[in-house]
């Protein structure tokens, strides 16, 4: 026999509440007492009620969708962060619409308009393209991760501490020169802390050092070519010197390691390599790479908690907006592996 769909009318008759009260349970539960919420919840279980998601969206405009804009997926940090964010569905029940950015503002603005058309309830942004001031203008709960965040809530790593940790470990390895390879990032972005931490430790310990800052590419192939060219420069400039190289992320550290293995068949004794982020790429490399773990799972969890807090507040009859953006900082963890002594 075909199973009958349970309606609001059926639930109302079962609980002896009005259909208006049942509707309030789904659309504005805070307006009911805890006791009445419990009675209706038990009735739904007893009646084996299956919610019509489309009808609910049409009724209250709440989709339980969250938008994500992420720069790319070839950097293991971003792919692992996306994996961790998506896994929060089991905890919060929110679904995700994901766009991969391409560094072009007009395209990413189209992405945001597309997300808004789907009636998303909030957004997580890892892309650096659009300013936080513009993001705030969309009047939507937003949390950013590892990017400029003056006007919106954010979760970031203590990048300065991570830079200090990475550089200090290389300094202890007895390197003749320390090198940091990174993009040329603005000082108001969290990632700049890695550069500052590197410089401060090198100056404090009076260790010869060099920064290679510039365009590191927007695709795997471009980044690999860039790192290959930088390796040639480093080998010509610092022959017969023990080199400690601090890469800006684990994907780049893995690229450098593979280039050295292809050229020498092993990791030469005059190279020490540090990555940054703690993505699976570091531990699964041919030679496990020392890195600064950003606790990606913790960042994803904190970001969703912060976003859900904002979205839940908006659903109240009298929401209280945040007085100022909330910024959370996650402590990095130094992970020592086989690419450093």
C-alpha atoms as a PDB file:
ATOM      1  CA  UNK A   1       0.000   0.000   0.000  1.00  0.00           C
ATOM      2  CA  UNK A   2       1.147   3.536  -0.704  1.00  0.00           C
ATOM      3  CA  UNK A   3       2.212   5.276   2.480  1.00  0.00           C
ATOM      4  CA  UNK A   4       0.165   8.400   3.253  1.00  0.00           C
ATOM      5  CA  UNK A   5       2.095  11.664   3.587  1.00  0.00           C
ATOM      6  CA  UNK A   6       1.682  13.150   7.062  1.00  0.00           C
ATOM      7  CA  UNK A   7       0.309  16.702   6.917  1.00  0.00           C
ATOM      8  CA  UNK A   8       0.205  19.608   9.374  1.00  0.00           C
ATOM      9  CA  UNK A   9      -3.478  18.757   9.840  1.00  0.00           C
ATOM     10  CA  UNK A  10      -2.552  15.206  10.934  1.00  0.00           C
ATOM     11  CA  UNK A  11       0.002  16.544  13.418  1.00  0.00           C
ATOM     12  CA  UNK A  12      -2.508  19.079  14.769  1.00  0.00           C
ATOM     13  CA  UNK A  13      -5.115  16.374  15.362  1.00  0.00           C
ATOM     14  CA  UNK A  14      -2.571  14.099  17.042  1.00  0.00           C
ATOM     15  CA  UNK A  15      -1.288  16.806  19.425  1.00  0.00           C
ATOM     16  CA  UNK A  16      -4.601  18.720  19.824  1.00  0.00           C
ATOM     17  CA  UNK A  17      -2.771  21.883  18.792  1.00  0.00           C
ATOM     18  CA  UNK A  18      -3.902  24.230  16.024  1.00  0.00           C
ATOM     19  CA  UNK A  19      -2.303  24.086  12.580  1.00  0.00           C
ATOM     20  CA  UNK A  20      -1.002  27.586  13.297  1.00  0.00           C
ATOM     21  CA  UNK A  21       0.903  26.251  16.314  1.00  0.00           C
ATOM     22  CA  UNK A  22       2.343  23.405  14.225  1.00  0.00           C
ATOM     23  CA  UNK A  23       3.439  25.914  11.591  1.00  0.00           C
ATOM     24  CA  UNK A  24       5.114  28.029  14.267  1.00  0.00           C
ATOM     25  CA  UNK A  25       7.062  24.957  15.414  1.00  0.00           C
ATOM     26  CA  UNK A  26       8.654  24.664  11.964  1.00  0.00           C
ATOM     27  CA  UNK A  27       9.038  28.340  11.131  1.00  0.00           C
ATOM     28  CA  UNK A  28       9.532  30.079  14.478  1.00  0.00           C
ATOM     29  CA  UNK A  29      10.142  27.501  17.236  1.00  0.00           C
ATOM     30  CA  UNK A  30      11.300  30.147  19.728  1.00  0.00           C
ATOM     31  CA  UNK A  31       7.701  31.364  19.892  1.00  0.00           C
ATOM     32  CA  UNK A  32       6.643  28.069  21.563  1.00  0.00           C
ATOM     33  CA  UNK A  33       7.395  26.831  25.033  1.00  0.00           C
ATOM     34  CA  UNK A  34       9.986  24.103  25.421  1.00  0.00           C
ATOM     35  CA  UNK A  35       7.231  21.751  26.616  1.00  0.00           C
ATOM     36  CA  UNK A  36       5.097  22.295  23.498  1.00  0.00           C
ATOM     37  CA  UNK A  37       8.150  21.929  21.247  1.00  0.00           C
ATOM     38  CA  UNK A  38       8.829  18.580  22.890  1.00  0.00           C
ATOM     39  CA  UNK A  39       5.213  17.419  22.442  1.00  0.00           C
ATOM     40  CA  UNK A  40       5.311  18.231  18.723  1.00  0.00           C
ATOM     41  CA  UNK A  41       8.751  16.647  18.293  1.00  0.00           C
ATOM     42  CA  UNK A  42       7.478  13.398  19.856  1.00  0.00           C
ATOM     43  CA  UNK A  43       4.387  13.499  17.602  1.00  0.00           C
ATOM     44  CA  UNK A  44       6.571  13.839  14.500  1.00  0.00           C
ATOM     45  CA  UNK A  45       8.491  10.744  15.522  1.00  0.00           C
ATOM     46  CA  UNK A  46       5.336   8.781  16.326  1.00  0.00           C
ATOM     47  CA  UNK A  47       3.720   9.703  12.998  1.00  0.00           C
ATOM     48  CA  UNK A  48       6.955   9.034  11.061  1.00  0.00           C
ATOM     49  CA  UNK A  49       6.770  12.535   9.600  1.00  0.00           C
ATOM     50  CA  UNK A  50       9.004  13.224   6.598  1.00  0.00           C
ATOM     51  CA  UNK A  51       9.593  16.910   6.089  1.00  0.00           C
ATOM     52  CA  UNK A  52       8.865  18.436   2.697  1.00  0.00           C
ATOM     53  CA  UNK A  53      11.972  20.568   2.315  1.00  0.00           C
ATOM     54  CA  UNK A  54      10.715  22.487  -0.711  1.00  0.00           C
ATOM     55  CA  UNK A  55       7.457  23.397   1.037  1.00  0.00           C
ATOM     56  CA  UNK A  56       9.359  24.602   4.069  1.00  0.00           C
ATOM     57  CA  UNK A  57      11.633  26.793   1.965  1.00  0.00           C
ATOM     58  CA  UNK A  58       8.615  28.329   0.234  1.00  0.00           C
ATOM     59  CA  UNK A  59       6.929  28.894   3.588  1.00  0.00           C
ATOM     60  CA  UNK A  60       9.722  30.588   5.521  1.00  0.00           C
ATOM     61  CA  UNK A  61      12.433  31.414   2.983  1.00  0.00           C
ATOM     62  CA  UNK A  62      15.053  29.491   5.012  1.00  0.00           C
ATOM     63  CA  UNK A  63      17.013  27.106   2.804  1.00  0.00           C
ATOM     64  CA  UNK A  64      19.641  25.812   5.265  1.00  0.00           C
ATOM     65  CA  UNK A  65      22.180  26.464   2.494  1.00  0.00           C
ATOM     66  CA  UNK A  66      25.588  28.017   3.136  1.00  0.00           C
ATOM     67  CA  UNK A  67      27.706  29.406   0.311  1.00  0.00           C
ATOM     68  CA  UNK A  68      31.461  28.832   0.109  1.00  0.00           C
ATOM     69  CA  UNK A  69      33.903  30.727  -2.094  1.00  0.00           C
ATOM     70  CA  UNK A  70      37.324  29.089  -2.130  1.00  0.00           C
ATOM     71  CA  UNK A  71      40.332  30.228  -4.215  1.00  0.00           C
ATOM     72  CA  UNK A  72      41.281  26.844  -5.700  1.00  0.00           C
ATOM     73  CA  UNK A  73      41.492  23.149  -4.917  1.00  0.00           C
ATOM     74  CA  UNK A  74      44.998  22.361  -6.163  1.00  0.00           C
ATOM     75  CA  UNK A  75      46.526  23.692  -2.936  1.00  0.00           C
ATOM     76  CA  UNK A  76      45.988  20.896  -0.438  1.00  0.00           C
ATOM     77  CA  UNK A  77      45.174  23.369   2.335  1.00  0.00           C
ATOM     78  CA  UNK A  78      42.013  24.529   0.554  1.00  0.00           C
ATOM     79  CA  UNK A  79      40.861  21.052  -0.461  1.00  0.00           C
ATOM     80  CA  UNK A  80      41.305  19.787   3.095  1.00  0.00           C
ATOM     81  CA  UNK A  81      39.577  22.865   4.528  1.00  0.00           C
ATOM     82  CA  UNK A  82      36.627  22.288   2.204  1.00  0.00           C
ATOM     83  CA  UNK A  83      36.529  18.634   3.246  1.00  0.00           C
ATOM     84  CA  UNK A  84      36.425  19.607   6.920  1.00  0.00           C
ATOM     85  CA  UNK A  85      33.728  22.268   6.401  1.00  0.00           C
ATOM     86  CA  UNK A  86      31.518  19.860   4.447  1.00  0.00           C
ATOM     87  CA  UNK A  87      31.852  17.289   7.234  1.00  0.00           C
ATOM     88  CA  UNK A  88      30.073  19.671   9.651  1.00  0.00           C
ATOM     89  CA  UNK A  89      26.754  18.734   7.992  1.00  0.00           C
ATOM     90  CA  UNK A  90      26.419  15.925  10.523  1.00  0.00           C
ATOM     91  CA  UNK A  91      26.599  18.464  13.357  1.00  0.00           C
ATOM     92  CA  UNK A  92      24.640  21.443  12.026  1.00  0.00           C
ATOM     93  CA  UNK A  93      22.551  20.115   9.121  1.00  0.00           C
ATOM     94  CA  UNK A  94      23.536  22.907   6.736  1.00  0.00           C
ATOM     95  CA  UNK A  95      24.133  22.089   3.068  1.00  0.00           C
ATOM     96  CA  UNK A  96      26.781  23.834   0.984  1.00  0.00           C
ATOM     97  CA  UNK A  97      26.985  25.496  -2.418  1.00  0.00           C
ATOM     98  CA  UNK A  98      30.637  25.832  -3.448  1.00  0.00           C
ATOM     99  CA  UNK A  99      32.271  28.103  -6.010  1.00  0.00           C
ATOM    100  CA  UNK A 100      35.973  28.036  -6.830  1.00  0.00           C
ATOM    101  CA  UNK A 101      37.282  31.577  -7.311  1.00  0.00           C
ATOM    102  CA  UNK A 102      39.609  32.631 -10.084  1.00  0.00           C
ATOM    103  CA  UNK A 103      40.957  35.879  -8.684  1.00  0.00           C
ATOM    104  CA  UNK A 104      38.651  38.076 -10.792  1.00  0.00           C
ATOM    105  CA  UNK A 105      36.348  40.394  -8.866  1.00  0.00           C
ATOM    106  CA  UNK A 106      33.609  40.593 -11.491  1.00  0.00           C
ATOM    107  CA  UNK A 107      33.376  36.791 -11.713  1.00  0.00           C
ATOM    108  CA  UNK A 108      33.332  36.331  -7.957  1.00  0.00           C
ATOM    109  CA  UNK A 109      30.636  38.993  -7.629  1.00  0.00           C
ATOM    110  CA  UNK A 110      28.562  36.908 -10.065  1.00  0.00           C
ATOM    111  CA  UNK A 111      29.193  33.900  -7.838  1.00  0.00           C
ATOM    112  CA  UNK A 112      27.856  35.805  -4.846  1.00  0.00           C
ATOM    113  CA  UNK A 113      24.755  36.946  -6.764  1.00  0.00           C
ATOM    114  CA  UNK A 114      24.169  33.329  -7.768  1.00  0.00           C
ATOM    115  CA  UNK A 115      24.450  32.229  -4.139  1.00  0.00           C
ATOM    116  CA  UNK A 116      22.067  34.969  -3.017  1.00  0.00           C
ATOM    117  CA  UNK A 117      19.571  33.819  -5.652  1.00  0.00           C
ATOM    118  CA  UNK A 118      19.605  30.426  -3.955  1.00  0.00           C
ATOM    119  CA  UNK A 119      18.628  32.161  -0.690  1.00  0.00           C
ATOM    120  CA  UNK A 120      21.730  31.087   1.211  1.00  0.00           C
ATOM    121  CA  UNK A 121      21.591  31.843   4.927  1.00  0.00           C
ATOM    122  CA  UNK A 122      25.301  32.556   5.320  1.00  0.00           C
ATOM    123  CA  UNK A 123      28.647  32.421   3.584  1.00  0.00           C
ATOM    124  CA  UNK A 124      32.215  31.247   4.263  1.00  0.00           C
ATOM    125  CA  UNK A 125      34.836  33.039   2.181  1.00  0.00           C
ATOM    126  CA  UNK A 126      38.461  31.944   1.759  1.00  0.00           C
ATOM    127  CA  UNK A 127      39.046  33.849  -1.477  1.00  0.00           C
ATOM    128  CA  UNK A 128      41.066  37.077  -1.114  1.00  0.00           C
ATOM    129  CA  UNK A 129      39.572  38.861  -4.115  1.00  0.00           C
ATOM    130  CA  UNK A 130      36.708  40.899  -2.642  1.00  0.00           C
ATOM    131  CA  UNK A 131      37.310  43.214   0.325  1.00  0.00           C
ATOM    132  CA  UNK A 132      35.690  42.500   3.678  1.00  0.00           C
ATOM    133  CA  UNK A 133      33.972  45.888   3.471  1.00  0.00           C
ATOM    134  CA  UNK A 134      32.196  44.826   0.288  1.00  0.00           C
ATOM    135  CA  UNK A 135      31.360  41.412   1.770  1.00  0.00           C
ATOM    136  CA  UNK A 136      29.788  43.117   4.778  1.00  0.00           C
ATOM    137  CA  UNK A 137      27.599  45.199   2.469  1.00  0.00           C
ATOM    138  CA  UNK A 138      25.636  42.086   1.455  1.00  0.00           C
ATOM    139  CA  UNK A 139      24.043  42.121   4.914  1.00  0.00           C
ATOM    140  CA  UNK A 140      24.498  38.380   5.320  1.00  0.00           C
ATOM    141  CA  UNK A 141      26.161  36.302   8.071  1.00  0.00           C
ATOM    142  CA  UNK A 142      29.725  35.831   6.827  1.00  0.00           C
ATOM    143  CA  UNK A 143      32.867  34.219   8.195  1.00  0.00           C
ATOM    144  CA  UNK A 144      36.200  34.494   6.423  1.00  0.00           C
ATOM    145  CA  UNK A 145      39.205  32.221   6.856  1.00  0.00           C
ATOM    146  CA  UNK A 146      42.835  33.362   6.493  1.00  0.00           C
ATOM    147  CA  UNK A 147      42.204  36.618   4.646  1.00  0.00           C
ATOM    148  CA  UNK A 148      41.631  40.355   5.278  1.00  0.00           C
ATOM    149  CA  UNK A 149      38.742  40.554   7.739  1.00  0.00           C
ATOM    150  CA  UNK A 150      38.282  44.080   9.129  1.00  0.00           C
ATOM    151  CA  UNK A 151      34.515  44.256   8.539  1.00  0.00           C
ATOM    152  CA  UNK A 152      33.430  40.621   8.929  1.00  0.00           C
ATOM    153  CA  UNK A 153      33.844  37.767  11.392  1.00  0.00           C
ATOM    154  CA  UNK A 154      36.821  35.493  10.844  1.00  0.00           C
ATOM    155  CA  UNK A 155      38.850  32.512  11.971  1.00  0.00           C
ATOM    156  CA  UNK A 156      42.597  32.637  11.376  1.00  0.00           C
ATOM    157  CA  UNK A 157      45.770  30.871  12.390  1.00  0.00           C
ATOM    158  CA  UNK A 158      48.307  32.700  14.535  1.00  0.00           C
ATOM    159  CA  UNK A 159      50.487  33.011  11.446  1.00  0.00           C
ATOM    160  CA  UNK A 160      53.189  35.009  13.199  1.00  0.00           C
ATOM    161  CA  UNK A 161      53.658  32.268  15.771  1.00  0.00           C
ATOM    162  CA  UNK A 162      53.739  29.718  12.965  1.00  0.00           C
ATOM    163  CA  UNK A 163      56.409  31.708  11.131  1.00  0.00           C
ATOM    164  CA  UNK A 164      58.478  31.878  14.317  1.00  0.00           C
ATOM    165  CA  UNK A 165      58.087  28.127  14.896  1.00  0.00           C
ATOM    166  CA  UNK A 166      59.129  27.196  11.354  1.00  0.00           C
ATOM    167  CA  UNK A 167      62.098  29.566  11.237  1.00  0.00           C
ATOM    168  CA  UNK A 168      63.324  28.606  14.719  1.00  0.00           C
ATOM    169  CA  UNK A 169      63.382  24.922  13.771  1.00  0.00           C
ATOM    170  CA  UNK A 170      65.415  25.651  10.635  1.00  0.00           C
ATOM    171  CA  UNK A 171      67.754  27.865  12.665  1.00  0.00           C
ATOM    172  CA  UNK A 172      68.419  24.961  15.058  1.00  0.00           C
ATOM    173  CA  UNK A 173      69.331  22.755  12.091  1.00  0.00           C
ATOM    174  CA  UNK A 174      72.569  24.661  11.582  1.00  0.00           C
ATOM    175  CA  UNK A 175      71.679  26.162   8.217  1.00  0.00           C
ATOM    176  CA  UNK A 176      74.049  28.696   6.646  1.00  0.00           C
ATOM    177  CA  UNK A 177      71.189  30.619   5.051  1.00  0.00           C
ATOM    178  CA  UNK A 178      67.423  30.651   5.551  1.00  0.00           C
ATOM    179  CA  UNK A 179      65.029  31.280   2.677  1.00  0.00           C
ATOM    180  CA  UNK A 180      61.294  31.970   2.699  1.00  0.00           C
ATOM    181  CA  UNK A 181      59.197  31.620  -0.464  1.00  0.00           C
ATOM    182  CA  UNK A 182      55.762  33.234  -0.443  1.00  0.00           C
ATOM    183  CA  UNK A 183      53.350  35.397  -2.421  1.00  0.00           C
ATOM    184  CA  UNK A 184      53.644  39.142  -2.068  1.00  0.00           C
ATOM    185  CA  UNK A 185      50.774  39.508   0.406  1.00  0.00           C
ATOM    186  CA  UNK A 186      49.515  42.776   1.961  1.00  0.00           C
ATOM    187  CA  UNK A 187      50.399  43.453   5.584  1.00  0.00           C
ATOM    188  CA  UNK A 188      46.721  43.444   6.624  1.00  0.00           C
ATOM    189  CA  UNK A 189      46.294  39.774   5.689  1.00  0.00           C
ATOM    190  CA  UNK A 190      46.958  36.964   8.197  1.00  0.00           C
ATOM    191  CA  UNK A 191      49.496  35.254   5.922  1.00  0.00           C
ATOM    192  CA  UNK A 192      51.830  38.235   6.258  1.00  0.00           C
ATOM    193  CA  UNK A 193      52.504  37.029   9.792  1.00  0.00           C
ATOM    194  CA  UNK A 194      54.533  34.131   8.372  1.00  0.00           C
ATOM    195  CA  UNK A 195      56.807  36.592   6.584  1.00  0.00           C
ATOM    196  CA  UNK A 196      57.148  38.794   9.670  1.00  0.00           C
ATOM    197  CA  UNK A 197      57.882  35.815  11.936  1.00  0.00           C
ATOM    198  CA  UNK A 198      60.567  34.626   9.513  1.00  0.00           C
ATOM    199  CA  UNK A 199      62.249  38.020   9.357  1.00  0.00           C
ATOM    200  CA  UNK A 200      62.155  38.625  13.110  1.00  0.00           C
ATOM    201  CA  UNK A 201      63.793  35.297  13.992  1.00  0.00           C
ATOM    202  CA  UNK A 202      66.463  35.662  11.294  1.00  0.00           C
ATOM    203  CA  UNK A 203      67.332  39.149  12.533  1.00  0.00           C
ATOM    204  CA  UNK A 204      67.221  38.130  16.193  1.00  0.00           C
ATOM    205  CA  UNK A 205      69.581  35.194  15.601  1.00  0.00           C
ATOM    206  CA  UNK A 206      71.620  37.123  13.012  1.00  0.00           C
ATOM    207  CA  UNK A 207      71.223  34.416  10.400  1.00  0.00           C
ATOM    208  CA  UNK A 208      71.772  35.267   6.706  1.00  0.00           C
ATOM    209  CA  UNK A 209      68.408  35.090   4.991  1.00  0.00           C
ATOM    210  CA  UNK A 210      66.484  35.955   1.868  1.00  0.00           C
ATOM    211  CA  UNK A 211      62.841  36.424   0.947  1.00  0.00           C
ATOM    212  CA  UNK A 212      61.492  35.369  -2.438  1.00  0.00           C
ATOM    213  CA  UNK A 213      58.126  37.110  -2.720  1.00  0.00           C
ATOM    214  CA  UNK A 214      56.070  37.319  -5.888  1.00  0.00           C
ATOM    215  CA  UNK A 215      53.494  35.650  -8.089  1.00  0.00           C
ATOM    216  CA  UNK A 216      53.631  31.932  -7.312  1.00  0.00           C
ATOM    217  CA  UNK A 217      51.016  31.004  -9.929  1.00  0.00           C
ATOM    218  CA  UNK A 218      47.292  30.291 -10.044  1.00  0.00           C
ATOM    219  CA  UNK A 219      47.457  26.655 -11.172  1.00  0.00           C
ATOM    220  CA  UNK A 220      49.513  23.610 -10.227  1.00  0.00           C
ATOM    221  CA  UNK A 221      51.535  23.867 -13.439  1.00  0.00           C
ATOM    222  CA  UNK A 222      52.288  27.580 -12.955  1.00  0.00           C
ATOM    223  CA  UNK A 223      53.338  27.056  -9.342  1.00  0.00           C
ATOM    224  CA  UNK A 224      55.562  24.110 -10.233  1.00  0.00           C
ATOM    225  CA  UNK A 225      57.278  26.163 -12.927  1.00  0.00           C
ATOM    226  CA  UNK A 226      57.789  29.058 -10.501  1.00  0.00           C
ATOM    227  CA  UNK A 227      59.307  26.832  -7.812  1.00  0.00           C
ATOM    228  CA  UNK A 228      61.525  25.102 -10.369  1.00  0.00           C
ATOM    229  CA  UNK A 229      62.886  28.483 -11.479  1.00  0.00           C
ATOM    230  CA  UNK A 230      63.438  29.595  -7.880  1.00  0.00           C
ATOM    231  CA  UNK A 231      65.328  26.366  -7.137  1.00  0.00           C
ATOM    232  CA  UNK A 232      67.705  27.103 -10.008  1.00  0.00           C
ATOM    233  CA  UNK A 233      68.325  30.588  -8.610  1.00  0.00           C
ATOM    234  CA  UNK A 234      68.911  29.261  -5.082  1.00  0.00           C
ATOM    235  CA  UNK A 235      71.369  26.578  -6.261  1.00  0.00           C
ATOM    236  CA  UNK A 236      73.398  29.108  -8.243  1.00  0.00           C
ATOM    237  CA  UNK A 237      73.368  31.716  -5.464  1.00  0.00           C
ATOM    238  CA  UNK A 238      74.078  29.430  -2.497  1.00  0.00           C
ATOM    239  CA  UNK A 239      76.302  26.533  -3.671  1.00  0.00           C
ATOM    240  CA  UNK A 240      77.944  24.430  -0.965  1.00  0.00           C
ATOM    241  CA  UNK A 241      75.833  26.111   1.736  1.00  0.00           C
ATOM    242  CA  UNK A 242      73.308  24.407   3.952  1.00  0.00           C
ATOM    243  CA  UNK A 243      69.959  25.910   2.988  1.00  0.00           C
ATOM    244  CA  UNK A 244      66.855  26.005   5.188  1.00  0.00           C
ATOM    245  CA  UNK A 245      63.844  26.663   2.970  1.00  0.00           C
ATOM    246  CA  UNK A 246      60.531  27.687   4.516  1.00  0.00           C
ATOM    247  CA  UNK A 247      57.744  27.293   1.954  1.00  0.00           C
ATOM    248  CA  UNK A 248      54.451  29.140   2.321  1.00  0.00           C
ATOM    249  CA  UNK A 249      52.361  25.943   2.202  1.00  0.00           C
ATOM    250  CA  UNK A 250      52.691  22.165   2.146  1.00  0.00           C
ATOM    251  CA  UNK A 251      51.805  21.837  -1.546  1.00  0.00           C
ATOM    252  CA  UNK A 252      54.771  24.033  -2.478  1.00  0.00           C
ATOM    253  CA  UNK A 253      57.016  22.206  -0.001  1.00  0.00           C
ATOM    254  CA  UNK A 254      56.033  18.926  -1.666  1.00  0.00           C
ATOM    255  CA  UNK A 255      56.782  20.388  -5.109  1.00  0.00           C
ATOM    256  CA  UNK A 256      60.237  21.487  -3.963  1.00  0.00           C
ATOM    257  CA  UNK A 257      60.929  18.096  -2.402  1.00  0.00           C
ATOM    258  CA  UNK A 258      59.919  16.277  -5.589  1.00  0.00           C
ATOM    259  CA  UNK A 259      62.128  18.529  -7.729  1.00  0.00           C
ATOM    260  CA  UNK A 260      65.117  17.745  -5.519  1.00  0.00           C
ATOM    261  CA  UNK A 261      64.362  14.009  -5.552  1.00  0.00           C
ATOM    262  CA  UNK A 262      64.089  14.033  -9.345  1.00  0.00           C
ATOM    263  CA  UNK A 263      67.428  15.847  -9.666  1.00  0.00           C
ATOM    264  CA  UNK A 264      69.463  14.041  -6.991  1.00  0.00           C
ATOM    265  CA  UNK A 265      67.554  10.829  -6.287  1.00  0.00           C
ATOM    266  CA  UNK A 266      67.405  11.816  -2.612  1.00  0.00           C
ATOM    267  CA  UNK A 267      67.036  14.855  -0.362  1.00  0.00           C
ATOM    268  CA  UNK A 268      70.529  16.393  -0.389  1.00  0.00           C
ATOM    269  CA  UNK A 269      72.211  16.940   2.966  1.00  0.00           C
ATOM    270  CA  UNK A 270      72.475  20.679   2.291  1.00  0.00           C
ATOM    271  CA  UNK A 271      68.678  21.142   2.179  1.00  0.00           C
ATOM    272  CA  UNK A 272      66.213  21.448   5.027  1.00  0.00           C
ATOM    273  CA  UNK A 273      62.534  21.965   4.110  1.00  0.00           C
ATOM    274  CA  UNK A 274      59.619  23.361   6.134  1.00  0.00           C
ATOM    275  CA  UNK A 275      56.034  23.535   4.930  1.00  0.00           C
ATOM    276  CA  UNK A 276      53.033  25.307   6.415  1.00  0.00           C
ATOM    277  CA  UNK A 277      49.419  24.191   6.928  1.00  0.00           C
ATOM    278  CA  UNK A 278      49.511  20.559   8.071  1.00  0.00           C
ATOM    279  CA  UNK A 279      47.409  19.205   5.188  1.00  0.00           C
ATOM    280  CA  UNK A 280      47.687  15.490   4.294  1.00  0.00           C
ATOM    281  CA  UNK A 281      50.207  16.389   1.576  1.00  0.00           C
ATOM    282  CA  UNK A 282      52.899  16.904   4.222  1.00  0.00           C
ATOM    283  CA  UNK A 283      52.619  13.529   5.943  1.00  0.00           C
ATOM    284  CA  UNK A 284      51.976  11.568   2.732  1.00  0.00           C
ATOM    285  CA  UNK A 285      54.958  12.961   0.807  1.00  0.00           C
ATOM    286  CA  UNK A 286      57.662  10.526  -0.363  1.00  0.00           C
ATOM    287  CA  UNK A 287      59.696  11.927   2.522  1.00  0.00           C
ATOM    288  CA  UNK A 288      57.289  13.216   5.212  1.00  0.00           C
ATOM    289  CA  UNK A 289      57.688  16.988   5.425  1.00  0.00           C
ATOM    290  CA  UNK A 290      58.160  19.053   8.567  1.00  0.00           C
ATOM    291  CA  UNK A 291      55.409  21.636   8.764  1.00  0.00           C
ATOM    292  CA  UNK A 292      53.421  24.031  10.897  1.00  0.00           C
ATOM    293  CA  UNK A 293      49.997  22.488  11.427  1.00  0.00           C
ATOM    294  CA  UNK A 294      47.161  25.000  11.219  1.00  0.00           C
ATOM    295  CA  UNK A 295      44.670  22.613  12.853  1.00  0.00           C
ATOM    296  CA  UNK A 296      42.453  22.737   9.770  1.00  0.00           C
ATOM    297  CA  UNK A 297      39.724  20.679  11.443  1.00  0.00           C
ATOM    298  CA  UNK A 298      39.580  23.126  14.349  1.00  0.00           C
ATOM    299  CA  UNK A 299      39.435  26.147  12.024  1.00  0.00           C
ATOM    300  CA  UNK A 300      36.555  24.591  10.042  1.00  0.00           C
ATOM    301  CA  UNK A 301      34.650  23.768  13.228  1.00  0.00           C
ATOM    302  CA  UNK A 302      35.149  27.247  14.702  1.00  0.00           C
ATOM    303  CA  UNK A 303      34.142  28.893  11.421  1.00  0.00           C
ATOM    304  CA  UNK A 304      30.882  26.953  11.269  1.00  0.00           C
ATOM    305  CA  UNK A 305      30.149  27.605  14.948  1.00  0.00           C
ATOM    306  CA  UNK A 306      30.645  31.326  14.383  1.00  0.00           C
ATOM    307  CA  UNK A 307      28.484  31.301  11.252  1.00  0.00           C
ATOM    308  CA  UNK A 308      25.699  29.217  12.832  1.00  0.00           C
ATOM    309  CA  UNK A 309      25.649  31.594  15.794  1.00  0.00           C
ATOM    310  CA  UNK A 310      24.992  34.520  13.446  1.00  0.00           C
ATOM    311  CA  UNK A 311      22.421  32.645  11.360  1.00  0.00           C
ATOM    312  CA  UNK A 312      20.546  31.403  14.434  1.00  0.00           C
ATOM    313  CA  UNK A 313      20.378  34.916  15.852  1.00  0.00           C
ATOM    314  CA  UNK A 314      18.749  36.161  12.652  1.00  0.00           C
ATOM    315  CA  UNK A 315      15.963  33.586  13.002  1.00  0.00           C
ATOM    316  CA  UNK A 316      14.851  34.969  16.357  1.00  0.00           C
ATOM    317  CA  UNK A 317      11.838  37.263  16.618  1.00  0.00           C
ATOM    318  CA  UNK A 318      14.052  40.022  17.988  1.00  0.00           C
ATOM    319  CA  UNK A 319      17.562  39.391  16.681  1.00  0.00           C
ATOM    320  CA  UNK A 320      20.428  41.252  18.287  1.00  0.00           C
ATOM    321  CA  UNK A 321      23.124  42.074  15.707  1.00  0.00           C
ATOM    322  CA  UNK A 322      26.791  41.777  16.605  1.00  0.00           C
ATOM    323  CA  UNK A 323      28.275  44.992  17.931  1.00  0.00           C
ATOM    324  CA  UNK A 324      31.524  44.273  16.107  1.00  0.00           C
ATOM    325  CA  UNK A 325      33.007  41.445  14.034  1.00  0.00           C
ATOM    326  CA  UNK A 326      34.284  38.470  16.030  1.00  0.00           C
ATOM    327  CA  UNK A 327      37.822  37.329  15.201  1.00  0.00           C
ATOM    328  CA  UNK A 328      39.069  33.953  16.441  1.00  0.00           C
ATOM    329  CA  UNK A 329      42.719  32.932  16.368  1.00  0.00           C
ATOM    330  CA  UNK A 330      43.835  29.288  16.337  1.00  0.00           C
ATOM    331  CA  UNK A 331      47.230  28.287  17.721  1.00  0.00           C
ATOM    332  CA  UNK A 332      49.477  26.451  15.208  1.00  0.00           C
ATOM    333  CA  UNK A 333      51.326  23.249  16.079  1.00  0.00           C
ATOM    334  CA  UNK A 334      54.912  22.547  14.976  1.00  0.00           C
ATOM    335  CA  UNK A 335      55.179  19.102  13.358  1.00  0.00           C
ATOM    336  CA  UNK A 336      58.750  17.864  12.986  1.00  0.00           C
ATOM    337  CA  UNK A 337      59.339  15.200  10.333  1.00  0.00           C
ATOM    338  CA  UNK A 338      62.123  13.917   8.091  1.00  0.00           C
ATOM    339  CA  UNK A 339      62.932  17.026   6.028  1.00  0.00           C
ATOM    340  CA  UNK A 340      64.569  18.725   9.016  1.00  0.00           C
ATOM    341  CA  UNK A 341      67.275  17.354  11.275  1.00  0.00           C
END
